[in-house]
Amino acid sequence: MLRHFASAIVIVAAAGCAGAPAAHATQFLTAIDDVPLPNGLTEAPEPMIFESDQGRVVRTSAEGNLGGARVSAFYAQTLPALGWKPAETPDGVVYAREDERLTIRVRERANMALTKVEFELVVTLASTRLPD
């Protein structure tokens, strides 16, 4: 089930994605249920979830034998279809949606055996946001 939170930003390491074939998804993260998980990655079983009257922070990760460029290309292709708005930043590509900020860090091991993907979702309640 897809769920829309308030505004979010996703930082995707986009280096090397242009020539990479896209990955496909058949499931979503369990800790962040409206973010797809590409086939070839397995989500870690113990997410960190912190909730307060100001919002929520969820951190989880996944790893597998899927190359980092394919992971980055997957999110660059699928997140806009889920309502994330792309923008350029010094850290890479950012996607924004309402009051959410989702950071995705793709880390390939030196031996290319495993790729680790870290997800951090920060949801700020509308009543705690400062005016732009």
N, C-alpha and C. Protein backbone atom coordinates (compact mmCIF):
# COMPACT_ATOMS: atom_id res chain seq x y z
N MET A 1 0.84 -1.18 0.00
CA MET A 1 0.00 0.00 0.00
C MET A 1 0.88 1.23 0.00
N LEU A 2 0.62 2.12 -0.92
CA LEU A 2 1.39 3.36 -0.98
C LEU A 2 0.80 4.35 -0.01
N ARG A 3 1.66 5.08 0.64
CA ARG A 3 1.22 6.06 1.62
C ARG A 3 1.94 7.36 1.34
N HIS A 4 1.22 8.46 1.37
CA HIS A 4 1.84 9.77 1.15
C HIS A 4 2.05 10.43 2.50
N PHE A 5 3.28 10.81 2.78
CA PHE A 5 3.61 11.56 3.99
C PHE A 5 3.57 13.04 3.63
N ALA A 6 4.03 13.92 4.50
CA ALA A 6 4.11 15.35 4.19
C ALA A 6 5.38 15.56 3.33
N SER A 7 6.36 16.55 3.25
CA SER A 7 7.40 16.82 2.21
C SER A 7 8.69 16.00 2.36
N ALA A 8 9.31 15.55 1.28
CA ALA A 8 10.50 14.70 1.38
C ALA A 8 11.54 14.99 0.33
N ILE A 9 12.78 14.76 0.68
CA ILE A 9 13.88 14.96 -0.24
C ILE A 9 14.66 13.66 -0.33
N VAL A 10 15.04 13.27 -1.51
CA VAL A 10 15.81 12.06 -1.68
C VAL A 10 17.09 12.42 -2.39
N ILE A 11 18.21 12.09 -1.78
CA ILE A 11 19.48 12.32 -2.44
C ILE A 11 19.94 10.99 -2.99
N VAL A 12 20.18 10.95 -4.28
CA VAL A 12 20.58 9.73 -4.94
C VAL A 12 21.97 9.96 -5.52
N ALA A 13 22.88 9.06 -5.24
CA ALA A 13 24.20 9.14 -5.84
C ALA A 13 24.04 8.79 -7.31
N ALA A 14 24.14 9.76 -8.19
CA ALA A 14 23.79 9.57 -9.58
C ALA A 14 25.00 9.29 -10.47
N ALA A 15 26.18 9.20 -9.92
CA ALA A 15 27.37 8.98 -10.74
C ALA A 15 27.29 7.66 -11.47
N GLY A 16 27.49 7.71 -12.75
CA GLY A 16 27.57 6.49 -13.54
C GLY A 16 26.24 5.86 -13.90
N CYS A 17 25.10 6.54 -13.72
CA CYS A 17 23.81 5.91 -13.99
C CYS A 17 23.43 5.93 -15.46
N ALA A 18 23.99 6.83 -16.24
CA ALA A 18 23.51 7.05 -17.59
C ALA A 18 23.50 5.79 -18.44
N GLY A 19 24.55 4.99 -18.41
CA GLY A 19 24.60 3.80 -19.24
C GLY A 19 24.15 2.54 -18.56
N ALA A 20 23.72 2.61 -17.32
CA ALA A 20 23.36 1.41 -16.57
C ALA A 20 21.94 0.98 -16.92
N PRO A 21 21.74 -0.34 -17.11
CA PRO A 21 20.38 -0.81 -17.34
C PRO A 21 19.56 -0.64 -16.07
N ALA A 22 18.29 -0.34 -16.24
CA ALA A 22 17.42 -0.10 -15.09
C ALA A 22 17.13 -1.39 -14.34
N ALA A 23 16.97 -1.27 -13.03
CA ALA A 23 16.56 -2.40 -12.19
C ALA A 23 15.03 -2.36 -12.09
N HIS A 24 14.43 -3.45 -11.67
CA HIS A 24 12.99 -3.54 -11.51
C HIS A 24 12.66 -3.82 -10.05
N ALA A 25 11.43 -3.48 -9.63
CA ALA A 25 11.00 -3.71 -8.25
C ALA A 25 9.75 -4.57 -8.23
N THR A 26 9.67 -5.44 -7.25
CA THR A 26 8.45 -6.19 -7.01
C THR A 26 7.96 -5.98 -5.59
N GLN A 27 8.71 -5.22 -4.80
CA GLN A 27 8.31 -4.97 -3.43
C GLN A 27 8.72 -3.57 -3.00
N PHE A 28 8.23 -3.17 -1.84
CA PHE A 28 8.56 -1.88 -1.25
C PHE A 28 9.28 -2.11 0.07
N LEU A 29 10.01 -1.10 0.52
CA LEU A 29 10.64 -1.20 1.83
C LEU A 29 9.55 -1.40 2.88
N THR A 30 9.82 -2.21 3.89
CA THR A 30 8.82 -2.40 4.95
C THR A 30 8.86 -1.24 5.93
N ALA A 31 10.03 -0.64 6.17
CA ALA A 31 10.15 0.46 7.11
C ALA A 31 9.65 1.78 6.52
N ILE A 32 9.71 1.91 5.18
CA ILE A 32 9.24 3.11 4.49
C ILE A 32 8.38 2.59 3.34
N ASP A 33 7.13 2.37 3.61
CA ASP A 33 6.30 1.55 2.71
C ASP A 33 5.94 2.15 1.37
N ASP A 34 6.32 3.38 1.07
CA ASP A 34 6.04 3.91 -0.26
C ASP A 34 7.31 4.14 -1.07
N VAL A 35 8.42 3.51 -0.66
CA VAL A 35 9.68 3.57 -1.41
C VAL A 35 9.96 2.16 -1.94
N PRO A 36 10.03 2.01 -3.28
CA PRO A 36 10.26 0.68 -3.85
C PRO A 36 11.67 0.18 -3.57
N LEU A 37 11.81 -1.13 -3.54
CA LEU A 37 13.10 -1.79 -3.34
C LEU A 37 13.43 -2.56 -4.61
N PRO A 38 14.56 -2.21 -5.28
CA PRO A 38 14.88 -2.92 -6.52
C PRO A 38 15.14 -4.40 -6.27
N ASN A 39 14.74 -5.23 -7.24
CA ASN A 39 15.07 -6.65 -7.17
C ASN A 39 16.58 -6.81 -7.05
N GLY A 40 17.02 -7.70 -6.20
CA GLY A 40 18.45 -7.91 -5.99
C GLY A 40 18.94 -7.34 -4.68
N LEU A 41 18.12 -6.51 -4.02
CA LEU A 41 18.47 -5.97 -2.71
C LEU A 41 17.54 -6.55 -1.65
N THR A 42 18.08 -6.75 -0.46
CA THR A 42 17.31 -7.26 0.68
C THR A 42 17.38 -6.25 1.81
N GLU A 43 16.23 -5.86 2.33
CA GLU A 43 16.17 -4.87 3.41
C GLU A 43 16.64 -5.47 4.73
N ALA A 44 17.40 -4.69 5.50
CA ALA A 44 17.85 -5.11 6.83
C ALA A 44 16.62 -5.26 7.74
N PRO A 45 16.67 -6.20 8.68
CA PRO A 45 15.49 -6.48 9.50
C PRO A 45 15.23 -5.49 10.63
N GLU A 46 16.18 -4.67 11.01
CA GLU A 46 16.03 -3.80 12.18
C GLU A 46 16.10 -2.32 11.82
N PRO A 47 15.00 -1.70 11.36
CA PRO A 47 15.05 -0.27 11.09
C PRO A 47 15.07 0.53 12.39
N MET A 48 15.54 1.76 12.32
CA MET A 48 15.49 2.68 13.46
C MET A 48 14.34 3.65 13.16
N ILE A 49 13.40 3.74 14.09
CA ILE A 49 12.26 4.64 13.92
C ILE A 49 12.15 5.51 15.16
N PHE A 50 12.12 6.82 14.95
CA PHE A 50 11.98 7.78 16.04
C PHE A 50 10.81 8.68 15.71
N GLU A 51 9.85 8.78 16.63
CA GLU A 51 8.69 9.64 16.43
C GLU A 51 8.57 10.61 17.59
N SER A 52 8.19 11.85 17.26
CA SER A 52 7.95 12.86 18.28
C SER A 52 6.79 13.73 17.81
N ASP A 53 6.44 14.72 18.61
CA ASP A 53 5.37 15.63 18.22
C ASP A 53 5.79 16.56 17.08
N GLN A 54 7.08 16.55 16.72
CA GLN A 54 7.58 17.39 15.63
C GLN A 54 7.69 16.62 14.31
N GLY A 55 7.64 15.30 14.36
CA GLY A 55 7.74 14.52 13.14
C GLY A 55 8.27 13.12 13.39
N ARG A 56 8.90 12.57 12.37
CA ARG A 56 9.36 11.18 12.43
C ARG A 56 10.63 11.04 11.61
N VAL A 57 11.53 10.15 12.09
CA VAL A 57 12.74 9.79 11.36
C VAL A 57 12.77 8.27 11.26
N VAL A 58 12.99 7.78 10.04
CA VAL A 58 13.11 6.33 9.81
C VAL A 58 14.43 6.10 9.09
N ARG A 59 15.23 5.20 9.62
CA ARG A 59 16.47 4.80 8.96
C ARG A 59 16.45 3.30 8.77
N THR A 60 16.77 2.89 7.55
CA THR A 60 16.88 1.48 7.24
C THR A 60 17.92 1.32 6.14
N SER A 61 18.27 0.11 5.83
CA SER A 61 19.24 -0.13 4.77
C SER A 61 18.88 -1.43 4.05
N ALA A 62 19.52 -1.62 2.92
CA ALA A 62 19.36 -2.83 2.13
C ALA A 62 20.69 -3.11 1.47
N GLU A 63 20.95 -4.37 1.17
CA GLU A 63 22.16 -4.69 0.42
C GLU A 63 21.92 -5.89 -0.46
N GLY A 64 22.81 -6.00 -1.46
CA GLY A 64 22.71 -7.10 -2.40
C GLY A 64 23.76 -6.98 -3.48
N ASN A 65 23.65 -7.84 -4.46
CA ASN A 65 24.63 -7.92 -5.54
C ASN A 65 24.26 -7.06 -6.75
N LEU A 66 23.45 -6.05 -6.55
CA LEU A 66 23.06 -5.13 -7.61
C LEU A 66 24.03 -3.97 -7.64
N GLY A 67 24.57 -3.62 -8.78
CA GLY A 67 25.56 -2.55 -8.89
C GLY A 67 25.00 -1.19 -8.49
N GLY A 68 25.86 -0.34 -7.95
CA GLY A 68 25.46 0.98 -7.50
C GLY A 68 24.85 1.84 -8.59
N ALA A 69 25.40 1.76 -9.80
CA ALA A 69 24.87 2.56 -10.92
C ALA A 69 23.43 2.12 -11.25
N ARG A 70 23.16 0.83 -11.18
CA ARG A 70 21.80 0.33 -11.44
C ARG A 70 20.84 0.78 -10.35
N VAL A 71 21.29 0.79 -9.09
CA VAL A 71 20.45 1.26 -7.99
C VAL A 71 20.12 2.74 -8.19
N SER A 72 21.12 3.54 -8.49
CA SER A 72 20.92 4.98 -8.70
C SER A 72 19.98 5.23 -9.87
N ALA A 73 20.16 4.50 -10.97
CA ALA A 73 19.29 4.66 -12.15
C ALA A 73 17.85 4.26 -11.82
N PHE A 74 17.69 3.22 -11.03
CA PHE A 74 16.36 2.76 -10.61
C PHE A 74 15.61 3.87 -9.88
N TYR A 75 16.27 4.50 -8.90
CA TYR A 75 15.59 5.56 -8.14
C TYR A 75 15.38 6.81 -8.97
N ALA A 76 16.31 7.14 -9.86
CA ALA A 76 16.14 8.30 -10.74
C ALA A 76 14.94 8.12 -11.67
N GLN A 77 14.65 6.89 -12.03
CA GLN A 77 13.53 6.59 -12.92
C GLN A 77 12.21 6.44 -12.16
N THR A 78 12.21 5.78 -11.02
CA THR A 78 10.95 5.46 -10.34
C THR A 78 10.43 6.53 -9.40
N LEU A 79 11.30 7.26 -8.73
CA LEU A 79 10.81 8.23 -7.73
C LEU A 79 9.96 9.35 -8.32
N PRO A 80 10.31 9.93 -9.49
CA PRO A 80 9.41 10.96 -10.06
C PRO A 80 8.01 10.43 -10.34
N ALA A 81 7.89 9.17 -10.71
CA ALA A 81 6.57 8.57 -10.96
C ALA A 81 5.76 8.44 -9.67
N LEU A 82 6.43 8.50 -8.52
CA LEU A 82 5.75 8.41 -7.22
C LEU A 82 5.56 9.77 -6.58
N GLY A 83 5.76 10.85 -7.36
CA GLY A 83 5.49 12.18 -6.88
C GLY A 83 6.68 12.96 -6.35
N TRP A 84 7.87 12.39 -6.41
CA TRP A 84 9.07 13.10 -5.95
C TRP A 84 9.50 14.08 -7.03
N LYS A 85 9.81 15.31 -6.66
CA LYS A 85 10.23 16.36 -7.59
C LYS A 85 11.75 16.46 -7.59
N PRO A 86 12.40 16.31 -8.75
CA PRO A 86 13.86 16.38 -8.79
C PRO A 86 14.39 17.81 -8.72
N ALA A 87 15.55 17.96 -8.11
CA ALA A 87 16.28 19.23 -8.05
C ALA A 87 17.76 18.92 -7.89
N GLU A 88 18.62 19.79 -8.42
CA GLU A 88 20.06 19.60 -8.30
C GLU A 88 20.57 20.23 -7.00
N THR A 89 21.51 19.57 -6.33
CA THR A 89 22.18 20.10 -5.15
C THR A 89 23.66 19.77 -5.27
N PRO A 90 24.51 20.36 -4.44
CA PRO A 90 25.93 20.00 -4.46
C PRO A 90 26.19 18.52 -4.14
N ASP A 91 25.25 17.88 -3.43
CA ASP A 91 25.41 16.48 -3.06
C ASP A 91 24.88 15.51 -4.11
N GLY A 92 24.24 16.00 -5.15
CA GLY A 92 23.68 15.13 -6.17
C GLY A 92 22.26 15.54 -6.50
N VAL A 93 21.44 14.59 -6.92
CA VAL A 93 20.05 14.85 -7.28
C VAL A 93 19.20 14.74 -6.02
N VAL A 94 18.26 15.67 -5.87
CA VAL A 94 17.36 15.68 -4.72
C VAL A 94 15.93 15.57 -5.23
N TYR A 95 15.12 14.81 -4.54
CA TYR A 95 13.70 14.70 -4.86
C TYR A 95 12.92 15.20 -3.66
N ALA A 96 11.93 16.06 -3.89
CA ALA A 96 11.13 16.62 -2.81
C ALA A 96 9.67 16.25 -3.00
N ARG A 97 9.02 16.00 -1.87
CA ARG A 97 7.58 15.71 -1.91
C ARG A 97 6.98 16.13 -0.57
N GLU A 98 6.14 17.12 -0.61
CA GLU A 98 5.43 17.64 0.56
C GLU A 98 6.39 17.90 1.72
N ASP A 99 6.15 17.34 2.92
CA ASP A 99 6.96 17.62 4.11
C ASP A 99 7.94 16.48 4.44
N GLU A 100 8.36 15.73 3.44
CA GLU A 100 9.27 14.60 3.65
C GLU A 100 10.65 14.92 3.10
N ARG A 101 11.65 14.31 3.69
CA ARG A 101 13.01 14.34 3.15
C ARG A 101 13.53 12.92 3.23
N LEU A 102 13.83 12.35 2.08
CA LEU A 102 14.35 10.99 2.01
C LEU A 102 15.73 11.03 1.39
N THR A 103 16.71 10.58 2.12
CA THR A 103 18.09 10.54 1.62
C THR A 103 18.42 9.09 1.31
N ILE A 104 18.97 8.86 0.14
CA ILE A 104 19.40 7.52 -0.26
C ILE A 104 20.88 7.60 -0.56
N ARG A 105 21.66 6.80 0.15
CA ARG A 105 23.11 6.73 -0.07
C ARG A 105 23.45 5.35 -0.62
N VAL A 106 24.10 5.32 -1.76
CA VAL A 106 24.50 4.07 -2.40
C VAL A 106 25.99 3.90 -2.20
N ARG A 107 26.37 2.79 -1.58
CA ARG A 107 27.79 2.52 -1.30
C ARG A 107 28.17 1.16 -1.86
N GLU A 108 29.11 1.20 -2.81
CA GLU A 108 29.62 -0.06 -3.37
C GLU A 108 30.89 -0.45 -2.64
N ARG A 109 31.03 -1.71 -2.36
CA ARG A 109 32.26 -2.21 -1.73
C ARG A 109 33.37 -2.23 -2.78
N ALA A 110 34.61 -2.13 -2.32
CA ALA A 110 35.75 -2.09 -3.23
C ALA A 110 35.80 -3.32 -4.13
N ASN A 111 35.43 -4.48 -3.60
CA ASN A 111 35.49 -5.71 -4.40
C ASN A 111 34.23 -5.93 -5.22
N MET A 112 33.27 -4.96 -5.16
CA MET A 112 32.03 -5.03 -5.92
C MET A 112 31.16 -6.23 -5.56
N ALA A 113 31.46 -6.92 -4.44
CA ALA A 113 30.67 -8.08 -4.05
C ALA A 113 29.27 -7.67 -3.59
N LEU A 114 29.17 -6.62 -2.79
CA LEU A 114 27.88 -6.17 -2.29
C LEU A 114 27.74 -4.66 -2.42
N THR A 115 26.53 -4.23 -2.66
CA THR A 115 26.21 -2.81 -2.64
C THR A 115 25.29 -2.60 -1.45
N LYS A 116 25.59 -1.57 -0.65
CA LYS A 116 24.74 -1.22 0.50
C LYS A 116 24.03 0.08 0.18
N VAL A 117 22.73 0.12 0.45
CA VAL A 117 21.93 1.30 0.22
C VAL A 117 21.32 1.72 1.55
N GLU A 118 21.59 2.95 1.96
CA GLU A 118 21.06 3.47 3.22
C GLU A 118 19.94 4.46 2.92
N PHE A 119 18.84 4.34 3.65
CA PHE A 119 17.68 5.19 3.48
C PHE A 119 17.42 5.94 4.78
N GLU A 120 17.16 7.22 4.67
CA GLU A 120 16.74 8.00 5.84
C GLU A 120 15.57 8.89 5.42
N LEU A 121 14.43 8.65 6.05
CA LEU A 121 13.24 9.44 5.80
C LEU A 121 13.01 10.35 7.00
N VAL A 122 12.89 11.65 6.75
CA VAL A 122 12.57 12.61 7.79
C VAL A 122 11.25 13.26 7.40
N VAL A 123 10.25 13.11 8.25
CA VAL A 123 8.94 13.70 8.03
C VAL A 123 8.76 14.80 9.06
N THR A 124 8.56 16.02 8.60
CA THR A 124 8.35 17.16 9.48
C THR A 124 6.87 17.51 9.46
N LEU A 125 6.25 17.56 10.63
CA LEU A 125 4.84 17.92 10.70
C LEU A 125 4.67 19.36 10.24
N ALA A 126 3.63 19.63 9.51
CA ALA A 126 3.39 20.95 8.94
C ALA A 126 3.36 22.05 10.01
N SER A 127 2.90 21.73 11.20
CA SER A 127 2.79 22.73 12.25
C SER A 127 4.15 23.13 12.83
N THR A 128 5.23 22.36 12.54
CA THR A 128 6.56 22.67 13.07
C THR A 128 7.48 23.27 12.03
N ARG A 129 7.03 23.43 10.79
CA ARG A 129 7.87 23.97 9.72
C ARG A 129 7.99 25.48 9.82
N LEU A 130 9.16 25.97 9.55
CA LEU A 130 9.37 27.41 9.46
C LEU A 130 8.95 27.90 8.08
N PRO A 131 8.46 29.13 7.96
CA PRO A 131 8.08 29.64 6.63
C PRO A 131 9.31 29.74 5.73
N ASP A 132 9.10 29.50 4.44
CA ASP A 132 10.21 29.57 3.46
C ASP A 132 10.65 30.98 3.23
